[in-house]
Amino acid sequence: MAARDRYSRKLECAKCGHTGFAEVSETDNRRAPSRDFKIDEMPRGFSTERPSPDPRKHMMKCRCGSVFRFEQDTVYAPGGEPRR
């Protein structure tokens, strides 16, 4: 079984300002056809609207009803930047 990269990502709703950190993982095999993206722990007040194995297409929903992309321009938790 392949190892997985794990990192934290700050989620921030542009509509109401609600924030939280999601714990996520994806395959560390850069040659794989898919990043096999998964949210391991979701912060309170957020949910998945449209899941996707690609974080650029994974859509989140805030408790206020706003829908946004998981991977957006935002701030990372200290030490939580993904490896590229």
N, C-alpha and C. Protein backbone atom coordinates (compact mmCIF):
# COMPACT_ATOMS: atom_id res chain seq x y z
N MET A 1 0.84 -1.18 0.00
CA MET A 1 0.00 0.00 0.00
C MET A 1 0.89 1.24 0.00
N ALA A 2 0.54 2.20 -0.82
CA ALA A 2 1.32 3.43 -0.94
C ALA A 2 1.10 4.33 0.27
N ALA A 3 2.14 5.08 0.61
CA ALA A 3 2.04 6.04 1.71
C ALA A 3 1.20 7.23 1.26
N ARG A 4 0.71 7.99 2.24
CA ARG A 4 -0.11 9.15 1.93
C ARG A 4 0.50 10.40 2.55
N ASP A 5 0.46 11.50 1.79
CA ASP A 5 0.84 12.80 2.32
C ASP A 5 -0.33 13.32 3.15
N ARG A 6 -0.04 13.85 4.32
CA ARG A 6 -1.09 14.40 5.19
C ARG A 6 -0.75 15.84 5.51
N TYR A 7 -1.78 16.69 5.51
CA TYR A 7 -1.58 18.10 5.83
C TYR A 7 -2.87 18.71 6.32
N SER A 8 -2.75 19.89 6.92
CA SER A 8 -3.91 20.66 7.39
C SER A 8 -4.16 21.78 6.40
N ARG A 9 -5.42 22.10 6.20
CA ARG A 9 -5.79 23.19 5.29
C ARG A 9 -6.85 24.04 5.95
N LYS A 10 -6.63 25.35 5.96
CA LYS A 10 -7.62 26.25 6.54
C LYS A 10 -8.77 26.45 5.57
N LEU A 11 -9.98 26.24 6.06
CA LEU A 11 -11.18 26.52 5.29
C LEU A 11 -11.74 27.84 5.79
N GLU A 12 -12.10 28.70 4.87
CA GLU A 12 -12.64 30.00 5.25
C GLU A 12 -13.79 30.37 4.32
N CYS A 13 -14.93 30.64 4.91
CA CYS A 13 -16.11 31.02 4.15
C CYS A 13 -16.03 32.51 3.83
N ALA A 14 -16.10 32.84 2.54
CA ALA A 14 -16.05 34.24 2.12
C ALA A 14 -17.34 34.98 2.46
N LYS A 15 -18.42 34.24 2.67
CA LYS A 15 -19.71 34.87 2.93
C LYS A 15 -19.87 35.29 4.39
N CYS A 16 -19.59 34.35 5.32
CA CYS A 16 -19.83 34.65 6.74
C CYS A 16 -18.55 34.74 7.57
N GLY A 17 -17.40 34.33 7.01
CA GLY A 17 -16.13 34.42 7.73
C GLY A 17 -15.82 33.24 8.64
N HIS A 18 -16.69 32.22 8.67
CA HIS A 18 -16.45 31.03 9.49
C HIS A 18 -15.17 30.33 9.02
N THR A 19 -14.33 29.91 9.97
CA THR A 19 -13.07 29.25 9.63
C THR A 19 -12.89 27.96 10.41
N GLY A 20 -12.00 27.12 9.93
CA GLY A 20 -11.64 25.88 10.60
C GLY A 20 -10.56 25.19 9.80
N PHE A 21 -9.88 24.24 10.43
CA PHE A 21 -8.81 23.51 9.75
C PHE A 21 -9.24 22.08 9.47
N ALA A 22 -9.12 21.68 8.20
CA ALA A 22 -9.43 20.31 7.77
C ALA A 22 -8.13 19.52 7.74
N GLU A 23 -8.19 18.29 8.18
CA GLU A 23 -7.05 17.37 8.09
C GLU A 23 -7.30 16.50 6.86
N VAL A 24 -6.38 16.55 5.90
CA VAL A 24 -6.58 15.85 4.64
C VAL A 24 -5.38 14.98 4.30
N SER A 25 -5.58 14.08 3.34
CA SER A 25 -4.50 13.24 2.87
C SER A 25 -4.69 12.98 1.38
N GLU A 26 -3.58 12.67 0.71
CA GLU A 26 -3.61 12.28 -0.70
C GLU A 26 -2.41 11.39 -0.96
N THR A 27 -2.45 10.65 -2.05
CA THR A 27 -1.38 9.72 -2.36
C THR A 27 -0.07 10.48 -2.58
N ASP A 28 1.04 9.87 -2.17
CA ASP A 28 2.33 10.53 -2.38
C ASP A 28 2.97 10.07 -3.69
N ASN A 29 2.27 9.22 -4.44
CA ASN A 29 2.76 8.76 -5.73
C ASN A 29 2.39 9.78 -6.80
N ARG A 30 3.34 10.60 -7.21
CA ARG A 30 3.08 11.66 -8.17
C ARG A 30 2.77 11.13 -9.58
N ARG A 31 3.06 9.86 -9.84
CA ARG A 31 2.78 9.27 -11.15
C ARG A 31 1.40 8.63 -11.21
N ALA A 32 0.71 8.61 -10.10
CA ALA A 32 -0.63 8.00 -10.06
C ALA A 32 -1.60 8.84 -10.91
N PRO A 33 -2.56 8.21 -11.54
CA PRO A 33 -3.51 8.95 -12.37
C PRO A 33 -4.42 9.88 -11.56
N SER A 34 -4.57 9.63 -10.27
CA SER A 34 -5.41 10.45 -9.41
C SER A 34 -4.66 10.76 -8.12
N ARG A 35 -4.93 11.91 -7.53
CA ARG A 35 -4.29 12.27 -6.25
C ARG A 35 -4.93 11.54 -5.09
N ASP A 36 -6.07 10.89 -5.31
CA ASP A 36 -6.81 10.14 -4.28
C ASP A 36 -6.98 10.99 -3.02
N PHE A 37 -7.48 12.19 -3.20
CA PHE A 37 -7.68 13.16 -2.14
C PHE A 37 -8.81 12.72 -1.21
N LYS A 38 -8.58 12.82 0.11
CA LYS A 38 -9.60 12.49 1.10
C LYS A 38 -9.52 13.45 2.27
N ILE A 39 -10.68 13.84 2.79
CA ILE A 39 -10.72 14.65 4.01
C ILE A 39 -10.85 13.68 5.18
N ASP A 40 -9.85 13.66 6.05
CA ASP A 40 -9.84 12.73 7.18
C ASP A 40 -10.61 13.29 8.37
N GLU A 41 -10.49 14.59 8.61
CA GLU A 41 -11.23 15.25 9.69
C GLU A 41 -11.75 16.59 9.19
N MET A 42 -13.06 16.79 9.34
CA MET A 42 -13.71 18.01 8.88
C MET A 42 -13.98 18.91 10.08
N PRO A 43 -13.69 20.21 9.97
CA PRO A 43 -13.99 21.12 11.08
C PRO A 43 -15.51 21.31 11.22
N ARG A 44 -15.94 21.59 12.42
CA ARG A 44 -17.37 21.81 12.72
C ARG A 44 -17.89 22.98 11.90
N GLY A 45 -19.05 22.81 11.31
CA GLY A 45 -19.68 23.88 10.53
C GLY A 45 -19.45 23.78 9.04
N PHE A 46 -18.63 22.83 8.61
CA PHE A 46 -18.37 22.60 7.19
C PHE A 46 -18.78 21.19 6.82
N SER A 47 -19.17 21.00 5.56
CA SER A 47 -19.49 19.66 5.06
C SER A 47 -19.09 19.59 3.58
N THR A 48 -19.08 18.38 3.05
CA THR A 48 -18.77 18.19 1.65
C THR A 48 -20.04 18.33 0.84
N GLU A 49 -20.00 19.19 -0.17
CA GLU A 49 -21.14 19.39 -1.06
C GLU A 49 -21.04 18.46 -2.27
N ARG A 50 -19.89 18.45 -2.95
CA ARG A 50 -19.65 17.55 -4.08
C ARG A 50 -18.24 16.97 -3.93
N PRO A 51 -18.14 15.71 -3.52
CA PRO A 51 -16.81 15.11 -3.33
C PRO A 51 -16.11 14.85 -4.66
N SER A 52 -14.78 14.85 -4.60
CA SER A 52 -13.96 14.57 -5.77
C SER A 52 -12.60 14.08 -5.28
N PRO A 53 -11.95 13.17 -6.02
CA PRO A 53 -10.60 12.75 -5.65
C PRO A 53 -9.55 13.81 -5.99
N ASP A 54 -9.96 14.91 -6.60
CA ASP A 54 -9.09 16.03 -6.95
C ASP A 54 -9.47 17.23 -6.07
N PRO A 55 -8.56 17.75 -5.23
CA PRO A 55 -8.92 18.86 -4.33
C PRO A 55 -9.33 20.14 -5.05
N ARG A 56 -8.93 20.30 -6.31
CA ARG A 56 -9.34 21.49 -7.08
C ARG A 56 -10.81 21.42 -7.49
N LYS A 57 -11.40 20.22 -7.45
CA LYS A 57 -12.80 20.04 -7.85
C LYS A 57 -13.71 19.70 -6.67
N HIS A 58 -13.13 19.43 -5.50
CA HIS A 58 -13.88 19.07 -4.29
C HIS A 58 -14.59 20.32 -3.77
N MET A 59 -15.90 20.27 -3.65
CA MET A 59 -16.68 21.44 -3.23
C MET A 59 -17.13 21.28 -1.78
N MET A 60 -16.97 22.37 -1.02
CA MET A 60 -17.32 22.40 0.39
C MET A 60 -18.57 23.25 0.59
N LYS A 61 -19.24 23.04 1.72
CA LYS A 61 -20.41 23.84 2.08
C LYS A 61 -20.25 24.31 3.51
N CYS A 62 -20.46 25.61 3.73
CA CYS A 62 -20.40 26.20 5.06
C CYS A 62 -21.78 26.09 5.71
N ARG A 63 -21.81 26.24 7.01
CA ARG A 63 -23.08 26.18 7.75
C ARG A 63 -24.05 27.28 7.32
N CYS A 64 -23.53 28.38 6.71
CA CYS A 64 -24.39 29.47 6.24
C CYS A 64 -25.00 29.17 4.87
N GLY A 65 -24.56 28.08 4.23
CA GLY A 65 -25.09 27.70 2.94
C GLY A 65 -24.19 28.03 1.77
N SER A 66 -23.11 28.76 2.00
CA SER A 66 -22.17 29.12 0.94
C SER A 66 -21.40 27.89 0.48
N VAL A 67 -21.23 27.74 -0.84
CA VAL A 67 -20.49 26.62 -1.42
C VAL A 67 -19.22 27.18 -2.06
N PHE A 68 -18.07 26.50 -1.82
CA PHE A 68 -16.80 26.96 -2.36
C PHE A 68 -15.88 25.77 -2.58
N ARG A 69 -14.83 26.01 -3.38
CA ARG A 69 -13.84 24.97 -3.66
C ARG A 69 -12.96 24.72 -2.45
N PHE A 70 -12.60 23.44 -2.23
CA PHE A 70 -11.69 23.12 -1.13
C PHE A 70 -10.35 23.81 -1.34
N GLU A 71 -9.79 23.68 -2.53
CA GLU A 71 -8.47 24.25 -2.80
C GLU A 71 -8.66 25.63 -3.38
N GLN A 72 -8.54 26.63 -2.54
CA GLN A 72 -8.69 28.02 -2.93
C GLN A 72 -7.54 28.81 -2.33
N ASP A 73 -7.39 30.07 -2.72
CA ASP A 73 -6.35 30.91 -2.13
C ASP A 73 -6.71 31.17 -0.68
N THR A 74 -5.88 30.68 0.22
CA THR A 74 -6.16 30.82 1.64
C THR A 74 -4.86 30.72 2.42
N VAL A 75 -4.95 30.72 3.72
CA VAL A 75 -3.79 30.65 4.61
C VAL A 75 -3.70 29.24 5.18
N TYR A 76 -2.49 28.70 5.25
CA TYR A 76 -2.28 27.38 5.83
C TYR A 76 -1.97 27.49 7.32
N ALA A 77 -2.24 26.43 8.04
CA ALA A 77 -1.83 26.35 9.44
C ALA A 77 -0.31 26.30 9.47
N PRO A 78 0.34 26.81 10.52
CA PRO A 78 1.80 26.74 10.59
C PRO A 78 2.28 25.31 10.44
N GLY A 79 3.17 25.08 9.48
CA GLY A 79 3.68 23.74 9.23
C GLY A 79 2.73 22.87 8.45
N GLY A 80 1.60 23.39 8.01
CA GLY A 80 0.60 22.59 7.32
C GLY A 80 0.60 22.73 5.82
N GLU A 81 1.63 23.37 5.26
CA GLU A 81 1.68 23.55 3.82
C GLU A 81 1.87 22.20 3.13
N PRO A 82 1.17 21.95 2.02
CA PRO A 82 1.35 20.69 1.30
C PRO A 82 2.70 20.65 0.60
N ARG A 83 3.26 19.47 0.47
CA ARG A 83 4.51 19.30 -0.24
C ARG A 83 4.22 19.24 -1.73
N ARG A 84 5.01 19.91 -2.53
CA ARG A 84 4.81 19.91 -3.98
C ARG A 84 6.04 19.35 -4.66
